[in-house]
Amino acid sequence: MSVGEVKTTLRAAIEAALQGRDAFDRASAGANAASEAAEAILNHSRNEDVSAVQQALDTARAEVEPTRRRFVNIAEHTSRYLNRLG
């Protein structure tokens, strides 16, 4: 593989990471809106199943920002490597 081919592949990887981040952001926003609506309806419920769902939603929310950062980090690290290639 030539340097030019590597650069092309790296540019495609950067674009894929940025598109992945954007798709993840849209999905996260939709999931967040649905979660907020569900919580408004189920607020103060003492049902065990509701509590389990709320706990699962809290766990999922905690993963949103780290996952988003992974997309950003991939694009940033790949861009730095691409720049080193010249």
C-alpha atoms as a PDB file:
ATOM      1  CA  MET A   1       0.000   0.000   0.000  1.00  0.00           C
ATOM      2  CA  SER A   2       1.406   3.366  -0.989  1.00  0.00           C
ATOM      3  CA  VAL A   3       1.524   6.421   1.272  1.00  0.00           C
ATOM      4  CA  GLY A   4      -1.179   7.995  -0.884  1.00  0.00           C
ATOM      5  CA  GLU A   5      -3.427   4.974  -0.365  1.00  0.00           C
ATOM      6  CA  VAL A   6      -2.788   5.082   3.374  1.00  0.00           C
ATOM      7  CA  LYS A   7      -3.735   8.775   3.443  1.00  0.00           C
ATOM      8  CA  THR A   8      -6.938   8.059   1.530  1.00  0.00           C
ATOM      9  CA  THR A   9      -7.809   5.276   3.940  1.00  0.00           C
ATOM     10  CA  LEU A  10      -7.083   7.499   6.943  1.00  0.00           C
ATOM     11  CA  ARG A  11      -9.284  10.293   5.543  1.00  0.00           C
ATOM     12  CA  ALA A  12     -12.086   7.767   5.086  1.00  0.00           C
ATOM     13  CA  ALA A  13     -11.605   6.574   8.674  1.00  0.00           C
ATOM     14  CA  ILE A  14     -11.803  10.145   9.972  1.00  0.00           C
ATOM     15  CA  GLU A  15     -14.983  10.782   7.992  1.00  0.00           C
ATOM     16  CA  ALA A  16     -16.499   7.518   9.230  1.00  0.00           C
ATOM     17  CA  ALA A  17     -15.688   8.413  12.842  1.00  0.00           C
ATOM     18  CA  LEU A  18     -17.276  11.850  12.459  1.00  0.00           C
ATOM     19  CA  GLN A  19     -20.356  10.392  10.791  1.00  0.00           C
ATOM     20  CA  GLY A  20     -20.537   7.780  13.529  1.00  0.00           C
ATOM     21  CA  ARG A  21     -20.372  10.509  16.155  1.00  0.00           C
ATOM     22  CA  ASP A  22     -23.161  12.435  14.441  1.00  0.00           C
ATOM     23  CA  ALA A  23     -25.372   9.343  14.186  1.00  0.00           C
ATOM     24  CA  PHE A  24     -24.632   8.521  17.821  1.00  0.00           C
ATOM     25  CA  ASP A  25     -25.542  12.086  18.840  1.00  0.00           C
ATOM     26  CA  ARG A  26     -28.882  11.830  17.029  1.00  0.00           C
ATOM     27  CA  ALA A  27     -29.629   8.445  18.580  1.00  0.00           C
ATOM     28  CA  SER A  28     -28.626   9.699  22.023  1.00  0.00           C
ATOM     29  CA  ALA A  29     -30.898  12.724  21.709  1.00  0.00           C
ATOM     30  CA  GLY A  30     -33.834  10.531  20.720  1.00  0.00           C
ATOM     31  CA  ALA A  31     -33.144   8.060  23.509  1.00  0.00           C
ATOM     32  CA  ASN A  32     -32.791  10.883  26.006  1.00  0.00           C
ATOM     33  CA  ALA A  33     -36.136  12.396  24.977  1.00  0.00           C
ATOM     34  CA  ALA A  34     -37.850   9.009  25.245  1.00  0.00           C
ATOM     35  CA  SER A  35     -36.233   8.363  28.630  1.00  0.00           C
ATOM     36  CA  GLU A  36     -37.346  11.721  29.957  1.00  0.00           C
ATOM     37  CA  ALA A  37     -40.905  11.084  28.803  1.00  0.00           C
ATOM     38  CA  ALA A  38     -40.906   7.637  30.410  1.00  0.00           C
ATOM     39  CA  GLU A  39     -39.515   9.011  33.660  1.00  0.00           C
ATOM     40  CA  ALA A  40     -42.176  11.708  33.755  1.00  0.00           C
ATOM     41  CA  ILE A  41     -44.865   9.048  33.454  1.00  0.00           C
ATOM     42  CA  LEU A  42     -43.263   6.585  35.861  1.00  0.00           C
ATOM     43  CA  ASN A  43     -42.040   9.121  38.405  1.00  0.00           C
ATOM     44  CA  HIS A  44     -42.260   7.911  42.008  1.00  0.00           C
ATOM     45  CA  SER A  45     -43.258   4.385  41.017  1.00  0.00           C
ATOM     46  CA  ARG A  46     -42.319   1.720  43.517  1.00  0.00           C
ATOM     47  CA  ASN A  47     -42.681  -1.139  41.085  1.00  0.00           C
ATOM     48  CA  GLU A  48     -39.538  -3.278  40.953  1.00  0.00           C
ATOM     49  CA  ASP A  49     -39.593  -3.507  37.163  1.00  0.00           C
ATOM     50  CA  VAL A  50     -39.830   0.263  36.851  1.00  0.00           C
ATOM     51  CA  SER A  51     -36.924   0.671  39.259  1.00  0.00           C
ATOM     52  CA  ALA A  52     -34.863  -1.809  37.239  1.00  0.00           C
ATOM     53  CA  VAL A  53     -35.592   0.082  34.019  1.00  0.00           C
ATOM     54  CA  GLN A  54     -34.696   3.401  35.618  1.00  0.00           C
ATOM     55  CA  GLN A  55     -31.438   1.915  36.857  1.00  0.00           C
ATOM     56  CA  ALA A  56     -30.669   0.559  33.381  1.00  0.00           C
ATOM     57  CA  LEU A  57     -31.358   3.989  31.868  1.00  0.00           C
ATOM     58  CA  ASP A  58     -29.003   5.606  34.384  1.00  0.00           C
ATOM     59  CA  THR A  59     -26.309   3.085  33.463  1.00  0.00           C
ATOM     60  CA  ALA A  60     -26.822   3.759  29.749  1.00  0.00           C
ATOM     61  CA  ARG A  61     -26.691   7.544  30.292  1.00  0.00           C
ATOM     62  CA  ALA A  62     -23.344   7.161  32.046  1.00  0.00           C
ATOM     63  CA  GLU A  63     -21.918   5.575  28.880  1.00  0.00           C
ATOM     64  CA  VAL A  64     -23.072   8.273  26.453  1.00  0.00           C
ATOM     65  CA  GLU A  65     -20.254  10.778  26.946  1.00  0.00           C
ATOM     66  CA  PRO A  66     -17.427   8.207  27.080  1.00  0.00           C
ATOM     67  CA  THR A  67     -18.736   6.618  23.875  1.00  0.00           C
ATOM     68  CA  ARG A  68     -19.015  10.002  22.159  1.00  0.00           C
ATOM     69  CA  ARG A  69     -15.444  10.812  23.232  1.00  0.00           C
ATOM     70  CA  ARG A  70     -14.249   7.596  21.595  1.00  0.00           C
ATOM     71  CA  PHE A  71     -15.553   8.768  18.221  1.00  0.00           C
ATOM     72  CA  VAL A  72     -13.892  12.162  18.698  1.00  0.00           C
ATOM     73  CA  ASN A  73     -10.617  10.607  19.872  1.00  0.00           C
ATOM     74  CA  ILE A  74     -10.476   8.300  16.867  1.00  0.00           C
ATOM     75  CA  ALA A  75     -10.886  11.259  14.507  1.00  0.00           C
ATOM     76  CA  GLU A  76      -8.315  13.363  16.387  1.00  0.00           C
ATOM     77  CA  HIS A  77      -5.665  10.644  16.655  1.00  0.00           C
ATOM     78  CA  THR A  78      -6.125   9.611  13.050  1.00  0.00           C
ATOM     79  CA  SER A  79      -5.885  13.259  11.931  1.00  0.00           C
ATOM     80  CA  ARG A  80      -2.614  13.674  13.832  1.00  0.00           C
ATOM     81  CA  TYR A  81      -1.205  10.572  12.200  1.00  0.00           C
ATOM     82  CA  LEU A  82      -2.355  11.784   8.788  1.00  0.00           C
ATOM     83  CA  ASN A  83      -0.640  15.139   9.389  1.00  0.00           C
ATOM     84  CA  ARG A  84       2.607  13.373  10.296  1.00  0.00           C
ATOM     85  CA  LEU A  85       2.526  11.614   6.969  1.00  0.00           C
ATOM     86  CA  GLY A  86       2.552  14.996   5.284  1.00  0.00           C
END
